[in-house]
Amino acid sequence: MPKEFDESRVLSLILGGGKGTRLYPLTKERSKPAVSFGGKYRIVDIPISNCINSGFKKIYLLTQFNSASLHLHITNSYNFDRFSNGFVEILAAEQTLEHSGWYEGTADAVRKNFIHFKTQKPTHYIILSGDQLYRMNLKEFMKKHIESGADVTIATIAVNRSDASGFGIMKIDGDNRITEFMEKPAPDLNIDDWKIPENSRDPMLPKEKEYLASMGIYIFNADTMEEVLNNDKQDFGKEIIPMAIKSKKINSYIFDGYWEDIGTIKSFYEATLDLTNVKPQFNFYDERKPIFTQLTNLPPCKMNHADLTACLASDGCVITDSMITHSVIGLRSIIESGTVLDGVITMGADFYESDEEKEANAKSNTPNMGIGKHCHIAKTIIDKNVRIGDNCSINVSGKKYDNGDYGNFYVADGIIVIRKNAVIPSGTII
């Protein structure tokens, strides 16, 4: 970094996304960044922690849908001392005399908040997504950006031809300068001349990964950002970047680590269960670069005889005489005797029930919070505060469901999602 570089004048902007329809019903009552992940975290903790660990501590979250849960999490989790000059602040869409509508896209969200950003006198903006799983040294990213003399640098990742159709694809020259951009090329389109130049390829890169896809992570010089947003264009990937390539120096920063877009139920499920592997692709166990989250002051997980294989069990759980395999158990999860879980994600509960509440449940024939006795559940996501009675069978009967909404549960790609606050009576078979 140049000696005159000032980290405090870098603003990190985390884009909270739209309605999160691809993650529905997990996003029915919360925004995508607020969705629980890995037992005790929220998705938003990933990009925030990347920023903090890289030394960039002025962080804004731009969101507009179901932001109450996100507000609560941020308020309870990220409190910088007054000597650090750091903050994590949510900027929800607001009506002003200049703007009366919602954010119309990623670029529009940034444009409408310039009034807040300019008071920090930024030299650079880092644009990050709120629903991606990765570890990136943003300081190294910034160093490469400054050394290149680029106006904008886009983080890219190498993909094979079949995956390329799902991304914005970049063509670069031998100096890593982006010369062209193509949004989601059709599978049958010949894009051989878009392959990564040999002198830009990492020798360790698999041969089949020949194209560069945008990760939706950018660094902008502050004056460049203001210039390219001086219009009514709404989206960075589809409009701003292709337009800027024609007049600005835009470079590619090729990222060679693990990166996963967890914006769908299937990708969320698979990325979460990968955490249970002996060597997960995303590692929470790095004390030098921790993933920060809310401190809950909950007791340790309590196991009253249990057989757990390849599992993560969060704080405050009580597991009794159960067999659990390849599963992630969330905060305050109660799992009763004789229950078998295989490939299950539980998001836990926001509170424990008192003895009086449990007595009232018994009188009204309502299951207690958690999972009852002798249940068998597989390939299922159980959202928060769910009550599952005794002798329930979920996703093990062999019955096939089309994707869609079934009341207390939702189906996506063969994965069953039990809705938040759902009550599943004893003996239910799904």
Protein backbone atom coordinates (compact mmCIF):
# COMPACT_ATOMS: atom_id res chain seq x y z
CA MET A 1 0.00 0.00 0.00
CA PRO A 2 1.22 3.57 -0.64
CA LYS A 3 2.33 5.34 2.55
CA GLU A 4 -0.35 7.95 2.07
CA PHE A 5 -3.14 5.34 1.85
CA ASP A 6 -5.72 5.84 4.62
CA GLU A 7 -7.84 2.78 5.49
CA SER A 8 -10.31 4.97 7.37
CA ARG A 9 -11.34 6.59 4.08
CA VAL A 10 -12.44 3.30 2.55
CA LEU A 11 -16.18 2.61 2.79
CA SER A 12 -17.45 -0.96 2.56
CA LEU A 13 -20.97 -1.22 1.16
CA ILE A 14 -22.74 -4.55 1.66
CA LEU A 15 -25.73 -4.96 -0.63
CA GLY A 16 -28.57 -6.71 1.16
CA GLY A 17 -30.31 -7.78 -2.01
CA GLY A 18 -33.94 -7.68 -3.01
CA LYS A 19 -36.89 -9.72 -1.76
CA GLY A 20 -34.81 -12.90 -1.63
CA THR A 21 -37.40 -14.92 -3.54
CA ARG A 22 -34.88 -17.69 -4.34
CA LEU A 23 -34.36 -18.28 -0.60
CA TYR A 24 -38.08 -18.26 0.21
CA PRO A 25 -39.52 -19.20 2.74
CA LEU A 26 -36.38 -18.48 4.81
CA THR A 27 -36.77 -14.87 3.64
CA LYS A 28 -40.49 -14.61 4.35
CA GLU A 29 -39.91 -12.68 7.58
CA ARG A 30 -36.26 -11.62 7.26
CA SER A 31 -33.87 -10.27 4.64
CA LYS A 32 -31.31 -12.56 3.00
CA PRO A 33 -28.37 -11.28 5.06
CA ALA A 34 -30.29 -12.03 8.29
CA VAL A 35 -30.84 -15.74 7.50
CA SER A 36 -29.19 -18.02 10.07
CA PHE A 37 -26.11 -19.88 8.88
CA GLY A 38 -23.77 -22.43 10.39
CA GLY A 39 -25.76 -22.89 13.58
CA LYS A 40 -24.96 -19.63 15.38
CA TYR A 41 -24.20 -17.08 12.67
CA ARG A 42 -26.13 -14.99 10.14
CA ILE A 43 -25.12 -14.80 6.47
CA VAL A 44 -24.27 -11.11 6.87
CA ASP A 45 -21.57 -11.98 9.41
CA ILE A 46 -19.41 -13.33 6.54
CA PRO A 47 -18.89 -10.09 4.54
CA ILE A 48 -18.77 -7.96 7.72
CA SER A 49 -16.05 -10.18 9.17
CA ASN A 50 -14.10 -10.07 5.89
CA CYS A 51 -14.12 -6.27 6.15
CA ILE A 52 -13.10 -6.16 9.83
CA ASN A 53 -10.34 -8.75 9.41
CA SER A 54 -8.96 -6.73 6.46
CA GLY A 55 -8.86 -3.49 8.44
CA PHE A 56 -11.82 -1.78 6.74
CA LYS A 57 -14.16 -0.90 9.59
CA LYS A 58 -16.53 1.66 8.09
CA ILE A 59 -19.31 -0.58 6.90
CA TYR A 60 -22.75 0.21 5.53
CA LEU A 61 -25.51 -2.34 4.91
CA LEU A 62 -27.97 -1.34 2.18
CA THR A 63 -31.29 -3.13 2.49
CA GLN A 64 -35.01 -2.51 2.16
CA PHE A 65 -36.96 -5.75 2.65
CA ASN A 66 -37.80 -7.29 6.06
CA SER A 67 -34.94 -5.43 7.72
CA ALA A 68 -36.16 -5.56 11.37
CA SER A 69 -34.38 -8.85 12.18
CA LEU A 70 -31.21 -7.58 10.50
CA HIS A 71 -31.34 -4.32 12.46
CA LEU A 72 -31.62 -6.25 15.74
CA HIS A 73 -28.72 -8.55 14.88
CA ILE A 74 -26.42 -5.71 13.80
CA THR A 75 -27.27 -3.64 16.90
CA ASN A 76 -26.54 -6.56 19.23
CA SER A 77 -23.42 -7.78 17.42
CA TYR A 78 -21.29 -4.90 16.18
CA ASN A 79 -20.41 -2.23 18.71
CA PHE A 80 -17.05 -0.59 18.04
CA ASP A 81 -15.36 1.42 20.77
CA ARG A 82 -15.19 5.17 20.29
CA PHE A 83 -11.44 5.09 19.61
CA SER A 84 -11.65 2.84 16.54
CA ASN A 85 -13.72 5.12 14.27
CA GLY A 86 -15.43 1.97 13.04
CA PHE A 87 -19.13 1.23 12.60
CA VAL A 88 -21.64 -1.07 10.96
CA GLU A 89 -24.67 0.95 9.94
CA ILE A 90 -27.83 -0.08 8.13
CA LEU A 91 -29.16 2.22 5.43
CA ALA A 92 -32.69 1.07 4.63
CA ALA A 93 -34.55 2.66 1.74
CA GLU A 94 -36.01 5.96 2.86
CA GLN A 95 -38.14 8.70 1.38
CA THR A 96 -36.49 12.10 1.02
CA LEU A 97 -37.30 15.28 -0.86
CA GLU A 98 -34.98 14.04 -3.65
CA HIS A 99 -36.03 10.35 -3.68
CA SER A 100 -39.51 9.02 -2.94
CA GLY A 101 -39.19 5.39 -4.07
CA TRP A 102 -37.53 2.11 -3.15
CA TYR A 103 -34.05 1.12 -4.25
CA GLU A 104 -34.49 0.13 -7.88
CA GLY A 105 -31.27 -1.90 -8.08
CA THR A 106 -27.75 -2.22 -6.69
CA ALA A 107 -26.44 0.93 -8.36
CA ASP A 108 -29.56 2.89 -7.45
CA ALA A 109 -29.14 1.90 -3.79
CA VAL A 110 -25.62 3.34 -3.72
CA ARG A 111 -26.63 6.48 -5.61
CA LYS A 112 -29.45 7.29 -3.20
CA ASN A 113 -27.07 7.12 -0.24
CA PHE A 114 -24.28 9.38 -1.51
CA ILE A 115 -25.56 12.01 0.92
CA HIS A 116 -24.52 9.70 3.79
CA PHE A 117 -21.27 8.49 2.23
CA LYS A 118 -19.80 11.86 1.27
CA THR A 119 -19.58 13.02 4.88
CA GLN A 120 -16.86 10.35 5.36
CA LYS A 121 -14.80 11.87 2.49
CA PRO A 122 -14.06 8.43 1.00
CA THR A 123 -11.24 7.71 -1.42
CA HIS A 124 -12.53 4.23 -2.30
CA TYR A 125 -15.69 2.12 -2.12
CA ILE A 126 -15.70 -1.65 -1.71
CA ILE A 127 -18.96 -3.17 -2.95
CA LEU A 128 -19.82 -6.56 -1.43
CA SER A 129 -22.75 -8.95 -1.65
CA GLY A 130 -24.74 -9.93 1.44
CA ASP A 131 -25.39 -13.55 0.42
CA GLN A 132 -22.02 -15.06 -0.51
CA LEU A 133 -19.74 -17.43 1.38
CA TYR A 134 -15.99 -16.78 1.06
CA ARG A 135 -12.88 -15.49 2.80
CA MET A 136 -11.03 -12.76 0.96
CA ASN A 137 -8.14 -10.58 2.05
CA LEU A 138 -9.71 -7.28 1.03
CA LYS A 139 -6.50 -5.45 1.93
CA GLU A 140 -4.65 -7.46 -0.74
CA PHE A 141 -7.52 -6.79 -3.15
CA MET A 142 -7.16 -3.06 -2.47
CA LYS A 143 -3.38 -3.21 -2.85
CA LYS A 144 -3.69 -4.78 -6.33
CA HIS A 145 -6.30 -2.18 -7.27
CA ILE A 146 -4.08 0.75 -6.30
CA GLU A 147 -0.94 -0.74 -7.90
CA SER A 148 -2.77 -1.27 -11.20
CA GLY A 149 -3.91 2.33 -11.43
CA ALA A 150 -7.41 1.10 -12.31
CA ASP A 151 -10.56 3.15 -11.85
CA VAL A 152 -12.50 0.00 -10.94
CA THR A 153 -11.36 -3.51 -10.06
CA ILE A 154 -13.76 -6.46 -10.24
CA ALA A 155 -13.16 -9.65 -8.26
CA THR A 156 -13.51 -12.60 -10.60
CA ILE A 157 -13.37 -16.36 -10.23
CA ALA A 158 -12.49 -18.98 -12.83
CA VAL A 159 -15.38 -21.21 -13.95
CA ASN A 160 -15.93 -23.94 -16.54
CA ARG A 161 -18.05 -23.47 -19.66
CA SER A 162 -21.26 -24.95 -18.24
CA ASP A 163 -21.14 -22.68 -15.16
CA ALA A 164 -20.26 -19.65 -17.28
CA SER A 165 -23.87 -19.44 -18.50
CA GLY A 166 -24.98 -18.48 -15.01
CA PHE A 167 -22.64 -15.52 -14.57
CA GLY A 168 -21.47 -12.28 -16.09
CA ILE A 169 -18.31 -13.25 -18.00
CA MET A 170 -15.24 -11.02 -18.39
CA LYS A 171 -12.72 -10.91 -21.23
CA ILE A 172 -9.28 -9.69 -20.11
CA ASP A 173 -6.02 -8.85 -21.87
CA GLY A 174 -2.55 -9.92 -20.77
CA ASP A 175 -2.42 -7.13 -18.16
CA ASN A 176 -5.67 -8.24 -16.47
CA ARG A 177 -7.56 -5.29 -17.93
CA ILE A 178 -11.19 -6.10 -18.69
CA THR A 179 -11.98 -5.35 -22.32
CA GLU A 180 -15.48 -6.83 -22.66
CA PHE A 181 -18.36 -8.05 -20.52
CA MET A 182 -21.07 -10.58 -21.39
CA GLU A 183 -24.09 -11.29 -19.20
CA LYS A 184 -24.91 -15.02 -18.88
CA PRO A 185 -23.82 -16.36 -22.32
CA ALA A 186 -26.18 -18.95 -23.78
CA PRO A 187 -24.92 -22.55 -23.35
CA ASP A 188 -24.60 -23.07 -27.12
CA LEU A 189 -22.77 -19.78 -27.79
CA ASN A 190 -19.12 -20.11 -28.85
CA ILE A 191 -17.06 -18.02 -26.40
CA ASP A 192 -13.65 -19.59 -26.99
CA ASP A 193 -12.05 -16.18 -27.49
CA TRP A 194 -13.13 -15.24 -23.93
CA LYS A 195 -10.81 -17.79 -22.32
CA ILE A 196 -8.33 -16.61 -19.68
CA PRO A 197 -5.00 -15.62 -21.32
CA GLU A 198 -2.23 -18.11 -20.52
CA ASN A 199 -0.02 -15.51 -18.81
CA SER A 200 -2.91 -14.63 -16.44
CA ARG A 201 -3.71 -18.22 -15.47
CA ASP A 202 -2.69 -19.64 -12.13
CA PRO A 203 -0.69 -22.84 -12.90
CA MET A 204 -2.67 -24.62 -10.17
CA LEU A 205 -6.00 -23.75 -11.79
CA PRO A 206 -7.91 -26.80 -13.11
CA LYS A 207 -7.70 -26.94 -16.91
CA GLU A 208 -11.47 -26.94 -17.38
CA LYS A 209 -11.83 -23.58 -15.60
CA GLU A 210 -11.19 -21.35 -18.59
CA TYR A 211 -13.48 -18.34 -18.12
CA LEU A 212 -13.68 -15.49 -15.62
CA ALA A 213 -16.99 -14.84 -13.87
CA SER A 214 -17.81 -11.71 -11.92
CA MET A 215 -18.24 -12.32 -8.18
CA GLY A 216 -20.27 -9.11 -7.75
CA ILE A 217 -17.45 -7.70 -5.60
CA TYR A 218 -15.94 -4.39 -6.74
CA ILE A 219 -13.53 -1.64 -5.71
CA PHE A 220 -14.28 1.82 -7.09
CA ASN A 221 -12.24 4.96 -6.79
CA ALA A 222 -14.63 7.41 -5.14
CA ASP A 223 -14.56 9.96 -7.97
CA THR A 224 -15.15 7.17 -10.51
CA MET A 225 -18.14 5.91 -8.53
CA GLU A 226 -19.77 9.33 -8.52
CA GLU A 227 -19.13 9.76 -12.23
CA VAL A 228 -20.49 6.39 -13.40
CA LEU A 229 -23.58 6.76 -11.20
CA ASN A 230 -24.40 10.23 -12.52
CA ASN A 231 -27.35 8.81 -14.48
CA ASP A 232 -30.47 6.72 -13.90
CA LYS A 233 -28.92 3.28 -14.48
CA GLN A 234 -30.09 0.82 -11.83
CA ASP A 235 -27.76 -2.18 -11.68
CA PHE A 236 -23.98 -2.56 -11.43
CA GLY A 237 -23.61 -5.90 -13.19
CA LYS A 238 -26.07 -5.41 -16.01
CA GLU A 239 -25.66 -1.69 -16.72
CA ILE A 240 -22.93 0.24 -14.90
CA ILE A 241 -20.00 -2.14 -15.46
CA PRO A 242 -20.63 -2.76 -19.20
CA MET A 243 -20.98 1.00 -19.70
CA ALA A 244 -17.86 1.84 -17.68
CA ILE A 245 -15.67 -0.67 -19.56
CA LYS A 246 -15.96 1.55 -22.62
CA SER A 247 -14.43 4.63 -20.95
CA LYS A 248 -12.66 3.58 -17.72
CA LYS A 249 -9.73 1.38 -16.82
CA ILE A 250 -11.33 -1.67 -15.25
CA ASN A 251 -9.16 -4.53 -14.05
CA SER A 252 -9.82 -8.09 -12.96
CA TYR A 253 -8.65 -9.40 -9.57
CA ILE A 254 -8.65 -13.18 -9.95
CA PHE A 255 -9.68 -14.84 -6.67
CA ASP A 256 -8.48 -18.42 -6.22
CA GLY A 257 -10.19 -19.33 -2.94
CA TYR A 258 -13.54 -20.91 -2.09
CA TRP A 259 -16.55 -18.84 -3.06
CA GLU A 260 -20.20 -19.83 -3.08
CA ASP A 261 -23.35 -17.89 -3.87
CA ILE A 262 -25.83 -19.12 -1.22
CA GLY A 263 -28.81 -17.33 -2.68
CA THR A 264 -30.96 -20.44 -3.31
CA ILE A 265 -32.37 -23.10 -0.98
CA LYS A 266 -30.26 -25.81 -2.64
CA SER A 267 -26.97 -23.86 -2.49
CA PHE A 268 -27.72 -22.75 1.09
CA TYR A 269 -28.45 -26.33 2.16
CA GLU A 270 -25.36 -27.78 0.48
CA ALA A 271 -23.00 -25.04 1.73
CA THR A 272 -24.31 -25.45 5.29
CA LEU A 273 -23.93 -29.23 5.36
CA ASP A 274 -20.44 -28.94 3.86
CA LEU A 275 -19.44 -27.31 7.16
CA THR A 276 -19.82 -30.72 8.82
CA ASN A 277 -17.10 -32.35 6.68
CA VAL A 278 -13.68 -33.09 8.17
CA LYS A 279 -12.15 -30.47 5.87
CA PRO A 280 -14.98 -28.08 4.94
CA GLN A 281 -14.48 -25.73 2.03
CA PHE A 282 -15.31 -22.82 4.32
CA ASN A 283 -13.49 -22.94 7.63
CA PHE A 284 -14.90 -21.22 10.72
CA TYR A 285 -11.96 -22.48 12.79
CA ASP A 286 -9.39 -19.77 12.03
CA GLU A 287 -8.58 -17.76 15.16
CA ARG A 288 -6.54 -15.25 13.17
CA LYS A 289 -9.53 -14.32 11.04
CA PRO A 290 -12.64 -15.09 13.10
CA ILE A 291 -16.19 -14.80 11.86
CA PHE A 292 -17.87 -12.41 14.28
CA THR A 293 -21.47 -12.63 15.42
CA GLN A 294 -23.75 -11.85 18.35
CA LEU A 295 -22.57 -12.98 21.78
CA THR A 296 -25.49 -14.92 23.26
CA ASN A 297 -24.17 -15.92 26.72
CA LEU A 298 -25.90 -19.28 26.32
CA PRO A 299 -24.79 -22.41 28.19
CA PRO A 300 -22.81 -25.16 26.39
CA CYS A 301 -24.59 -27.76 24.30
CA LYS A 302 -25.90 -30.53 26.62
CA MET A 303 -26.00 -34.13 25.41
CA ASN A 304 -27.95 -36.60 27.50
CA HIS A 305 -26.54 -39.59 25.65
CA ALA A 306 -26.44 -39.07 21.90
CA ASP A 307 -24.77 -40.49 18.82
CA LEU A 308 -23.49 -37.60 16.69
CA THR A 309 -21.53 -38.08 13.47
CA ALA A 310 -20.28 -35.18 11.31
CA CYS A 311 -22.37 -32.57 13.12
CA LEU A 312 -22.17 -29.02 14.37
CA ALA A 313 -24.11 -28.38 17.58
CA SER A 314 -24.54 -24.76 18.68
CA ASP A 315 -24.72 -23.20 22.13
CA GLY A 316 -27.68 -23.92 24.35
CA CYS A 317 -28.84 -27.17 22.71
CA VAL A 318 -30.25 -30.08 24.70
CA ILE A 319 -30.00 -33.40 22.84
CA THR A 320 -31.34 -36.56 24.49
CA ASP A 321 -30.74 -40.15 23.36
CA SER A 322 -30.80 -39.28 19.63
CA MET A 323 -28.87 -40.28 16.52
CA ILE A 324 -27.78 -37.32 14.41
CA THR A 325 -25.71 -37.52 11.22
CA HIS A 326 -24.35 -34.89 8.83
CA SER A 327 -26.46 -32.13 10.39
CA VAL A 328 -26.16 -28.59 11.75
CA ILE A 329 -28.02 -27.89 14.99
CA GLY A 330 -28.89 -24.26 15.78
CA LEU A 331 -29.04 -22.29 19.02
CA ARG A 332 -31.34 -23.60 21.81
CA SER A 333 -32.43 -26.65 19.78
CA ILE A 334 -34.27 -29.23 21.89
CA ILE A 335 -34.16 -32.78 20.47
CA GLU A 336 -35.94 -35.52 22.41
CA SER A 337 -35.17 -39.23 22.82
CA GLY A 338 -35.40 -41.77 20.03
CA THR A 339 -35.15 -39.16 17.26
CA VAL A 340 -33.04 -39.72 14.14
CA LEU A 341 -31.80 -36.80 12.02
CA ASP A 342 -29.87 -37.20 8.77
CA GLY A 343 -28.89 -34.21 6.65
CA VAL A 344 -30.94 -31.79 8.75
CA ILE A 345 -30.39 -28.09 9.45
CA THR A 346 -32.17 -26.75 12.51
CA MET A 347 -32.09 -23.01 13.11
CA GLY A 348 -33.06 -23.43 16.74
CA ALA A 349 -35.16 -21.11 18.85
CA ASP A 350 -35.17 -17.55 20.11
CA PHE A 351 -36.10 -18.59 23.67
CA TYR A 352 -36.53 -21.50 26.05
CA GLU A 353 -39.98 -22.51 27.26
CA SER A 354 -40.66 -22.49 30.98
CA ASP A 355 -42.18 -25.44 32.87
CA GLU A 356 -45.46 -23.51 33.08
CA GLU A 357 -45.51 -23.02 29.33
CA LYS A 358 -44.85 -26.71 28.76
CA GLU A 359 -47.76 -27.61 31.05
CA ALA A 360 -50.00 -25.28 29.05
CA ASN A 361 -48.79 -26.96 25.85
CA ALA A 362 -49.75 -30.38 27.23
CA LYS A 363 -53.26 -29.18 28.10
CA SER A 364 -53.79 -27.73 24.63
CA ASN A 365 -52.18 -30.72 22.90
CA THR A 366 -49.50 -28.45 21.41
CA PRO A 367 -45.96 -29.82 20.92
CA ASN A 368 -43.18 -28.19 22.90
CA MET A 369 -40.58 -26.08 21.14
CA GLY A 370 -38.09 -28.30 19.32
CA ILE A 371 -38.25 -31.86 17.99
CA GLY A 372 -40.25 -34.46 19.90
CA LYS A 373 -39.62 -38.15 20.64
CA HIS A 374 -39.12 -40.91 18.06
CA CYS A 375 -39.06 -38.62 15.02
CA HIS A 376 -37.22 -39.48 11.80
CA ILE A 377 -36.21 -36.51 9.66
CA ALA A 378 -33.93 -36.27 6.61
CA LYS A 379 -32.89 -33.65 4.03
CA THR A 380 -34.83 -30.91 5.81
CA ILE A 381 -34.28 -27.31 6.92
CA ILE A 382 -36.18 -26.52 10.12
CA ASP A 383 -36.56 -22.78 10.60
CA LYS A 384 -36.68 -21.03 13.97
CA ASN A 385 -39.19 -21.64 16.77
CA VAL A 386 -40.69 -24.73 15.14
CA ARG A 387 -42.67 -27.27 17.21
CA ILE A 388 -42.52 -30.86 15.97
CA GLY A 389 -44.51 -33.42 17.95
CA ASP A 390 -43.68 -37.06 18.72
CA ASN A 391 -43.48 -39.84 16.10
CA CYS A 392 -43.21 -37.50 13.12
CA SER A 393 -41.65 -38.60 9.84
CA ILE A 394 -40.31 -35.91 7.46
CA ASN A 395 -38.77 -36.62 4.04
CA VAL A 396 -38.14 -40.31 4.69
CA SER A 397 -41.35 -41.92 3.36
CA GLY A 398 -40.21 -41.79 -0.27
CA LYS A 399 -43.08 -39.50 -1.24
CA LYS A 400 -42.06 -36.98 -3.90
CA TYR A 401 -43.26 -33.38 -3.83
CA ASP A 402 -43.20 -30.84 -6.61
CA ASN A 403 -41.46 -27.57 -5.77
CA GLY A 404 -43.86 -25.24 -4.02
CA ASP A 405 -45.77 -24.20 -0.92
CA TYR A 406 -47.61 -26.79 1.20
CA GLY A 407 -48.70 -24.66 4.15
CA ASN A 408 -46.48 -25.54 7.12
CA PHE A 409 -43.67 -26.55 4.80
CA TYR A 410 -42.13 -25.66 1.47
CA VAL A 411 -40.29 -27.85 -1.04
CA ALA A 412 -37.34 -26.86 -3.23
CA ASP A 413 -35.21 -29.37 -5.16
CA GLY A 414 -36.23 -32.23 -2.90
CA ILE A 415 -35.35 -30.27 0.23
CA ILE A 416 -38.18 -29.72 2.71
CA VAL A 417 -38.23 -26.42 4.59
CA ILE A 418 -40.36 -26.29 7.75
CA ARG A 419 -41.54 -22.70 8.13
CA LYS A 420 -40.64 -20.45 11.03
CA ASN A 421 -43.06 -20.86 13.98
CA ALA A 422 -44.72 -23.89 12.32
CA VAL A 423 -46.52 -26.45 14.50
CA ILE A 424 -46.26 -30.05 13.26
CA PRO A 425 -48.66 -32.29 15.25
CA SER A 426 -47.55 -35.67 16.62
CA GLY A 427 -47.71 -38.51 14.10
CA THR A 428 -47.42 -36.26 11.05
CA ILE A 429 -45.89 -37.82 7.93
CA ILE A 430 -44.50 -35.42 5.28
